[in-house]
Amino acid sequence: MNLSDRPVWLLPVIAAILAGALAAWLIVYGPLAHHTPGDEPRASGVRVSGEAQIGGPFTLTNHLGETVTDEDFKGRPLLIYFGFTYCPDVCPLSLQAMGAALDLMEPEEAARFQSVLITVDPERDTPEALADYVSADVFPDNLMGLTGTPEQIRDVARAYRVYYARVEDENTIAEYLVDHLSIIFLMDEDGRFAEIFPHGTAPAVIADRLQQFLEENPVQS
């Protein structure tokens, strides 16, 4: 079947998978990564031992209407996803995969991770809209939604090297969609990049990588 014959809803899924693969390549091999000799990427999840230029300070508003900064998350590893509540397919699938991966872990281990959704659609994703969205049963239990001004969202997206752009779409009930990179970021307790999971990574693979991360980063007594 020709690409033009595929259902319209498949196109953003295909684009997200391709974008995720490209971003993983850039972080591991391209200008976004600094490697030490002998570094090797791992399958499915992508990890480096050198310092990747991913992440940084931010000030945003959570789904409870509270101002939060990156400093508020120090001491807990983060699972961060950039998406938006009007996303018809890719975002909910990625957040469901995140939740399913955590469900495969022991509760006390899963509880060490803070799950975060940072919107790329601050115009519509108010704290109230995010509060309703993040409460979905299939998403991680502790999922926190973050929004902000367009400038704040632009800055945090740049820090994480996340592309997004408004796309007018007359084929959906929404006035517009937002084309964006679909990747789950794992950041360590100090806010440093640890690993990424491109769109489509199986929950079992994510859970296995998170388990290995905990083994390599035990709780300090």
C-alpha atoms as a PDB file:
ATOM      1  CA  MET A   1       0.000   0.000   0.000  1.00  0.00           C
ATOM      2  CA  ASN A   2       1.292   3.461  -0.896  1.00  0.00           C
ATOM      3  CA  LEU A   3       1.969   5.951   1.903  1.00  0.00           C
ATOM      4  CA  SER A   4      -0.774   8.173   0.496  1.00  0.00           C
ATOM      5  CA  ASP A   5      -3.241   5.295   0.986  1.00  0.00           C
ATOM      6  CA  ARG A   6      -2.507   4.887   4.690  1.00  0.00           C
ATOM      7  CA  PRO A   7      -4.995   6.190   7.275  1.00  0.00           C
ATOM      8  CA  VAL A   8      -4.333   9.822   8.186  1.00  0.00           C
ATOM      9  CA  TRP A   9      -3.838   9.008  11.858  1.00  0.00           C
ATOM     10  CA  LEU A  10      -0.869   6.771  11.035  1.00  0.00           C
ATOM     11  CA  LEU A  11       1.195   9.609   9.624  1.00  0.00           C
ATOM     12  CA  PRO A  12       2.067  11.309  12.939  1.00  0.00           C
ATOM     13  CA  VAL A  13       2.891   7.913  14.454  1.00  0.00           C
ATOM     14  CA  ILE A  14       5.295   7.111  11.635  1.00  0.00           C
ATOM     15  CA  ALA A  15       6.813  10.590  11.861  1.00  0.00           C
ATOM     16  CA  ALA A  16       7.297  10.274  15.611  1.00  0.00           C
ATOM     17  CA  ILE A  17       9.045   6.920  15.291  1.00  0.00           C
ATOM     18  CA  LEU A  18      11.394   8.265  12.640  1.00  0.00           C
ATOM     19  CA  ALA A  19      12.045  11.430  14.648  1.00  0.00           C
ATOM     20  CA  GLY A  20      12.759   9.385  17.760  1.00  0.00           C
ATOM     21  CA  ALA A  21      15.254   7.220  15.934  1.00  0.00           C
ATOM     22  CA  LEU A  22      16.966  10.291  14.481  1.00  0.00           C
ATOM     23  CA  ALA A  23      17.149  11.991  17.885  1.00  0.00           C
ATOM     24  CA  ALA A  24      18.638   8.878  19.457  1.00  0.00           C
ATOM     25  CA  TRP A  25      21.283   8.807  16.738  1.00  0.00           C
ATOM     26  CA  LEU A  26      22.099  12.490  17.268  1.00  0.00           C
ATOM     27  CA  ILE A  27      22.443  12.119  21.031  1.00  0.00           C
ATOM     28  CA  VAL A  28      24.694   9.077  20.770  1.00  0.00           C
ATOM     29  CA  TYR A  29      26.722   9.892  17.655  1.00  0.00           C
ATOM     30  CA  GLY A  30      26.076  13.510  16.752  1.00  0.00           C
ATOM     31  CA  PRO A  31      26.900  16.928  18.192  1.00  0.00           C
ATOM     32  CA  LEU A  32      24.586  16.478  21.202  1.00  0.00           C
ATOM     33  CA  ALA A  33      26.914  13.986  22.878  1.00  0.00           C
ATOM     34  CA  HIS A  34      30.412  14.022  24.299  1.00  0.00           C
ATOM     35  CA  HIS A  35      31.876  10.528  24.533  1.00  0.00           C
ATOM     36  CA  THR A  36      34.707   9.018  26.466  1.00  0.00           C
ATOM     37  CA  PRO A  37      36.771   6.299  24.735  1.00  0.00           C
ATOM     38  CA  GLY A  38      35.002   2.944  24.687  1.00  0.00           C
ATOM     39  CA  ASP A  39      31.475   4.306  25.103  1.00  0.00           C
ATOM     40  CA  GLU A  40      28.904   2.087  23.427  1.00  0.00           C
ATOM     41  CA  PRO A  41      25.182   2.720  22.935  1.00  0.00           C
ATOM     42  CA  ARG A  42      22.729   0.136  24.243  1.00  0.00           C
ATOM     43  CA  ALA A  43      19.907  -1.339  22.198  1.00  0.00           C
ATOM     44  CA  SER A  44      16.405   0.202  22.350  1.00  0.00           C
ATOM     45  CA  GLY A  45      17.210   2.569  25.190  1.00  0.00           C
ATOM     46  CA  VAL A  46      20.154   4.822  24.377  1.00  0.00           C
ATOM     47  CA  ARG A  47      22.750   5.539  27.006  1.00  0.00           C
ATOM     48  CA  VAL A  48      26.176   7.167  27.063  1.00  0.00           C
ATOM     49  CA  SER A  49      28.859   7.381  29.739  1.00  0.00           C
ATOM     50  CA  GLY A  50      30.051  10.760  28.534  1.00  0.00           C
ATOM     51  CA  GLU A  51      28.119  13.952  29.235  1.00  0.00           C
ATOM     52  CA  ALA A  52      25.311  14.672  26.782  1.00  0.00           C
ATOM     53  CA  GLN A  53      24.138  18.265  26.442  1.00  0.00           C
ATOM     54  CA  ILE A  54      20.578  17.452  27.472  1.00  0.00           C
ATOM     55  CA  GLY A  55      18.591  19.166  30.226  1.00  0.00           C
ATOM     56  CA  GLY A  56      19.092  22.281  32.296  1.00  0.00           C
ATOM     57  CA  PRO A  57      17.406  24.769  34.641  1.00  0.00           C
ATOM     58  CA  PHE A  58      13.725  25.556  34.194  1.00  0.00           C
ATOM     59  CA  THR A  59      10.831  27.294  35.929  1.00  0.00           C
ATOM     60  CA  LEU A  60       7.340  26.016  35.124  1.00  0.00           C
ATOM     61  CA  THR A  61       3.873  25.597  36.641  1.00  0.00           C
ATOM     62  CA  ASN A  62       2.577  22.183  37.677  1.00  0.00           C
ATOM     63  CA  HIS A  63      -0.952  20.850  37.242  1.00  0.00           C
ATOM     64  CA  LEU A  64      -1.816  22.041  40.758  1.00  0.00           C
ATOM     65  CA  GLY A  65      -0.979  25.631  39.816  1.00  0.00           C
ATOM     66  CA  GLU A  66       2.279  25.652  41.792  1.00  0.00           C
ATOM     67  CA  THR A  67       5.524  27.149  40.491  1.00  0.00           C
ATOM     68  CA  VAL A  68       8.259  24.520  40.311  1.00  0.00           C
ATOM     69  CA  THR A  69      11.881  24.563  39.184  1.00  0.00           C
ATOM     70  CA  ASP A  70      14.387  21.872  38.306  1.00  0.00           C
ATOM     71  CA  GLU A  71      15.755  22.220  41.847  1.00  0.00           C
ATOM     72  CA  ASP A  72      12.474  20.874  43.252  1.00  0.00           C
ATOM     73  CA  PHE A  73      13.174  17.527  41.608  1.00  0.00           C
ATOM     74  CA  LYS A  74      16.747  17.085  42.802  1.00  0.00           C
ATOM     75  CA  GLY A  75      17.224  13.823  44.671  1.00  0.00           C
ATOM     76  CA  ARG A  76      14.860  11.785  42.443  1.00  0.00           C
ATOM     77  CA  PRO A  77      15.441  10.398  38.958  1.00  0.00           C
ATOM     78  CA  LEU A  78      12.983  11.769  36.405  1.00  0.00           C
ATOM     79  CA  LEU A  79      11.136  10.267  33.461  1.00  0.00           C
ATOM     80  CA  ILE A  80      10.302  13.260  31.267  1.00  0.00           C
ATOM     81  CA  TYR A  81       8.073  13.313  28.213  1.00  0.00           C
ATOM     82  CA  PHE A  82       7.230  16.349  26.062  1.00  0.00           C
ATOM     83  CA  GLY A  83       3.700  16.175  24.663  1.00  0.00           C
ATOM     84  CA  PHE A  84       0.249  17.762  24.855  1.00  0.00           C
ATOM     85  CA  THR A  85      -3.249  16.848  25.966  1.00  0.00           C
ATOM     86  CA  TYR A  86      -4.848  17.158  22.513  1.00  0.00           C
ATOM     87  CA  CYS A  87      -2.363  14.656  21.056  1.00  0.00           C
ATOM     88  CA  PRO A  88      -4.489  11.936  19.415  1.00  0.00           C
ATOM     89  CA  ASP A  89      -2.117   8.973  19.520  1.00  0.00           C
ATOM     90  CA  VAL A  90       1.622   9.278  20.058  1.00  0.00           C
ATOM     91  CA  CYS A  91       1.527  11.021  23.457  1.00  0.00           C
ATOM     92  CA  PRO A  92      -0.963   8.708  25.173  1.00  0.00           C
ATOM     93  CA  LEU A  93       0.845   5.664  23.790  1.00  0.00           C
ATOM     94  CA  SER A  94       4.184   6.891  25.151  1.00  0.00           C
ATOM     95  CA  LEU A  95       2.745   7.757  28.556  1.00  0.00           C
ATOM     96  CA  GLN A  96       0.981   4.398  28.699  1.00  0.00           C
ATOM     97  CA  ALA A  97       4.301   2.688  27.946  1.00  0.00           C
ATOM     98  CA  MET A  98       5.904   4.679  30.760  1.00  0.00           C
ATOM     99  CA  GLY A  99       3.156   3.635  33.170  1.00  0.00           C
ATOM    100  CA  ALA A 100       3.269  -0.004  32.063  1.00  0.00           C
ATOM    101  CA  ALA A 101       7.042  -0.092  32.553  1.00  0.00           C
ATOM    102  CA  LEU A 102       6.740   1.217  36.107  1.00  0.00           C
ATOM    103  CA  ASP A 103       3.964  -1.300  36.811  1.00  0.00           C
ATOM    104  CA  LEU A 104       6.394  -4.094  35.910  1.00  0.00           C
ATOM    105  CA  MET A 105       8.748  -2.993  38.691  1.00  0.00           C
ATOM    106  CA  GLU A 106       8.509  -3.493  42.429  1.00  0.00           C
ATOM    107  CA  PRO A 107       6.363  -0.685  43.908  1.00  0.00           C
ATOM    108  CA  GLU A 108       9.162   0.689  46.081  1.00  0.00           C
ATOM    109  CA  GLU A 109      11.498   0.801  43.080  1.00  0.00           C
ATOM    110  CA  ALA A 110       8.955   2.416  40.774  1.00  0.00           C
ATOM    111  CA  ALA A 111       8.256   5.019  43.461  1.00  0.00           C
ATOM    112  CA  ARG A 112      11.827   6.292  43.187  1.00  0.00           C
ATOM    113  CA  PHE A 113      11.049   7.780  39.764  1.00  0.00           C
ATOM    114  CA  GLN A 114       9.100  10.992  39.252  1.00  0.00           C
ATOM    115  CA  SER A 115       7.173  10.949  35.980  1.00  0.00           C
ATOM    116  CA  VAL A 116       6.755  14.304  34.232  1.00  0.00           C
ATOM    117  CA  LEU A 117       4.771  15.507  31.226  1.00  0.00           C
ATOM    118  CA  ILE A 118       5.943  18.884  29.904  1.00  0.00           C
ATOM    119  CA  THR A 119       3.440  20.368  27.488  1.00  0.00           C
ATOM    120  CA  VAL A 120       4.444  21.725  24.101  1.00  0.00           C
ATOM    121  CA  ASP A 121       1.018  23.361  23.815  1.00  0.00           C
ATOM    122  CA  PRO A 122       0.909  25.949  26.624  1.00  0.00           C
ATOM    123  CA  GLU A 123      -1.897  27.860  24.901  1.00  0.00           C
ATOM    124  CA  ARG A 124      -4.418  25.106  25.633  1.00  0.00           C
ATOM    125  CA  ASP A 125      -2.692  23.077  28.344  1.00  0.00           C
ATOM    126  CA  THR A 126      -3.553  25.074  31.423  1.00  0.00           C
ATOM    127  CA  PRO A 127      -2.903  23.588  34.878  1.00  0.00           C
ATOM    128  CA  GLU A 128      -6.581  22.602  34.993  1.00  0.00           C
ATOM    129  CA  ALA A 129      -6.402  20.808  31.631  1.00  0.00           C
ATOM    130  CA  LEU A 130      -3.239  18.999  32.677  1.00  0.00           C
ATOM    131  CA  ALA A 131      -4.744  17.994  36.042  1.00  0.00           C
ATOM    132  CA  ASP A 132      -7.575  16.210  34.271  1.00  0.00           C
ATOM    133  CA  TYR A 133      -5.248  14.611  31.721  1.00  0.00           C
ATOM    134  CA  VAL A 134      -2.543  13.230  34.032  1.00  0.00           C
ATOM    135  CA  SER A 135      -5.137  11.499  36.223  1.00  0.00           C
ATOM    136  CA  ALA A 136      -5.797   8.827  33.567  1.00  0.00           C
ATOM    137  CA  ASP A 137      -5.499   5.337  35.074  1.00  0.00           C
ATOM    138  CA  VAL A 138      -3.221   4.065  32.292  1.00  0.00           C
ATOM    139  CA  PHE A 139      -0.611   6.763  32.915  1.00  0.00           C
ATOM    140  CA  PRO A 140       2.008   6.630  35.711  1.00  0.00           C
ATOM    141  CA  ASP A 141       0.418   7.055  39.138  1.00  0.00           C
ATOM    142  CA  ASN A 142       2.553  10.063  40.064  1.00  0.00           C
ATOM    143  CA  LEU A 143       2.586  11.752  36.652  1.00  0.00           C
ATOM    144  CA  MET A 144       3.067  15.508  37.053  1.00  0.00           C
ATOM    145  CA  GLY A 145       1.974  17.866  34.303  1.00  0.00           C
ATOM    146  CA  LEU A 146       4.027  21.006  33.714  1.00  0.00           C
ATOM    147  CA  THR A 147       3.091  24.062  31.680  1.00  0.00           C
ATOM    148  CA  GLY A 148       4.235  27.673  31.472  1.00  0.00           C
ATOM    149  CA  THR A 149       4.421  30.685  29.255  1.00  0.00           C
ATOM    150  CA  PRO A 150       5.324  30.119  25.602  1.00  0.00           C
ATOM    151  CA  GLU A 151       8.788  31.482  26.416  1.00  0.00           C
ATOM    152  CA  GLN A 152       9.265  29.098  29.342  1.00  0.00           C
ATOM    153  CA  ILE A 153       8.203  26.122  27.241  1.00  0.00           C
ATOM    154  CA  ARG A 154      10.495  27.242  24.424  1.00  0.00           C
ATOM    155  CA  ASP A 155      13.443  27.438  26.826  1.00  0.00           C
ATOM    156  CA  VAL A 156      12.937  24.035  28.437  1.00  0.00           C
ATOM    157  CA  ALA A 157      12.374  22.407  25.033  1.00  0.00           C
ATOM    158  CA  ARG A 158      15.630  23.903  23.807  1.00  0.00           C
ATOM    159  CA  ALA A 159      17.443  22.612  26.888  1.00  0.00           C
ATOM    160  CA  TYR A 160      16.247  19.090  26.090  1.00  0.00           C
ATOM    161  CA  ARG A 161      16.780  19.472  22.321  1.00  0.00           C
ATOM    162  CA  VAL A 162      13.074  18.831  21.702  1.00  0.00           C
ATOM    163  CA  TYR A 163      11.572  19.991  18.426  1.00  0.00           C
ATOM    164  CA  TYR A 164       7.923  21.073  18.329  1.00  0.00           C
ATOM    165  CA  ALA A 165       5.809  23.132  15.952  1.00  0.00           C
ATOM    166  CA  ARG A 166       2.141  24.038  15.619  1.00  0.00           C
ATOM    167  CA  VAL A 167       0.426  22.384  12.659  1.00  0.00           C
ATOM    168  CA  GLU A 168      -2.973  23.492  11.401  1.00  0.00           C
ATOM    169  CA  ASP A 169      -5.164  20.435  10.801  1.00  0.00           C
ATOM    170  CA  GLU A 170      -8.695  20.572   9.412  1.00  0.00           C
ATOM    171  CA  ASN A 171      -9.060  16.784   9.675  1.00  0.00           C
ATOM    172  CA  THR A 172      -9.290  16.711  13.485  1.00  0.00           C
ATOM    173  CA  ILE A 173     -11.758  18.090  16.009  1.00  0.00           C
ATOM    174  CA  ALA A 174      -8.937  20.202  17.434  1.00  0.00           C
ATOM    175  CA  GLU A 175      -8.158  23.542  15.833  1.00  0.00           C
ATOM    176  CA  TYR A 176      -4.534  22.512  15.469  1.00  0.00           C
ATOM    177  CA  LEU A 177      -2.056  19.811  16.450  1.00  0.00           C
ATOM    178  CA  VAL A 178       1.560  20.098  17.578  1.00  0.00           C
ATOM    179  CA  ASP A 179       4.233  18.168  15.743  1.00  0.00           C
ATOM    180  CA  HIS A 180       6.905  17.177  18.268  1.00  0.00           C
ATOM    181  CA  LEU A 181       9.711  14.808  19.121  1.00  0.00           C
ATOM    182  CA  SER A 182       8.455  11.697  20.944  1.00  0.00           C
ATOM    183  CA  ILE A 183      11.078  10.489  23.407  1.00  0.00           C
ATOM    184  CA  ILE A 184      11.113   9.571  27.110  1.00  0.00           C
ATOM    185  CA  PHE A 185      14.120  11.081  28.877  1.00  0.00           C
ATOM    186  CA  LEU A 186      15.647   9.491  31.962  1.00  0.00           C
ATOM    187  CA  MET A 187      17.471  12.048  34.099  1.00  0.00           C
ATOM    188  CA  ASP A 188      19.408  11.118  37.214  1.00  0.00           C
ATOM    189  CA  GLU A 189      18.963  12.468  40.756  1.00  0.00           C
ATOM    190  CA  ASP A 190      21.078  15.520  39.937  1.00  0.00           C
ATOM    191  CA  GLY A 191      19.196  16.371  36.753  1.00  0.00           C
ATOM    192  CA  ARG A 192      21.850  14.928  34.449  1.00  0.00           C
ATOM    193  CA  PHE A 193      20.968  13.037  31.298  1.00  0.00           C
ATOM    194  CA  ALA A 194      21.148   9.259  31.718  1.00  0.00           C
ATOM    195  CA  GLU A 195      19.221   7.604  28.870  1.00  0.00           C
ATOM    196  CA  ILE A 196      16.455   8.031  26.310  1.00  0.00           C
ATOM    197  CA  PHE A 197      13.687   5.706  25.183  1.00  0.00           C
ATOM    198  CA  PRO A 198      12.514   6.434  21.617  1.00  0.00           C
ATOM    199  CA  HIS A 199       8.839   6.106  20.751  1.00  0.00           C
ATOM    200  CA  GLY A 200       7.852   2.467  20.451  1.00  0.00           C
ATOM    201  CA  THR A 201      10.294   1.120  23.048  1.00  0.00           C
ATOM    202  CA  ALA A 202       8.554  -1.801  24.758  1.00  0.00           C
ATOM    203  CA  PRO A 203       7.571  -1.339  28.422  1.00  0.00           C
ATOM    204  CA  ALA A 204       9.558  -4.455  29.371  1.00  0.00           C
ATOM    205  CA  VAL A 205      12.688  -2.922  27.847  1.00  0.00           C
ATOM    206  CA  ILE A 206      12.114   0.371  29.671  1.00  0.00           C
ATOM    207  CA  ALA A 207      11.536  -1.480  32.956  1.00  0.00           C
ATOM    208  CA  ASP A 208      14.737  -3.475  32.476  1.00  0.00           C
ATOM    209  CA  ARG A 209      16.766  -0.299  31.845  1.00  0.00           C
ATOM    210  CA  LEU A 210      15.236   1.440  34.861  1.00  0.00           C
ATOM    211  CA  GLN A 211      16.064  -1.564  37.025  1.00  0.00           C
ATOM    212  CA  GLN A 212      19.661  -1.449  35.847  1.00  0.00           C
ATOM    213  CA  PHE A 213      19.760   2.288  36.528  1.00  0.00           C
ATOM    214  CA  LEU A 214      18.648   1.701  40.129  1.00  0.00           C
ATOM    215  CA  GLU A 215      21.258  -1.002  40.603  1.00  0.00           C
ATOM    216  CA  GLU A 216      23.928   1.358  39.343  1.00  0.00           C
ATOM    217  CA  ASN A 217      22.589   4.232  41.464  1.00  0.00           C
ATOM    218  CA  PRO A 218      21.637   2.810  44.872  1.00  0.00           C
ATOM    219  CA  VAL A 219      19.982   4.962  47.502  1.00  0.00           C
ATOM    220  CA  GLN A 220      22.625   6.676  49.597  1.00  0.00           C
ATOM    221  CA  SER A 221      22.206   6.031  53.318  1.00  0.00           C
END
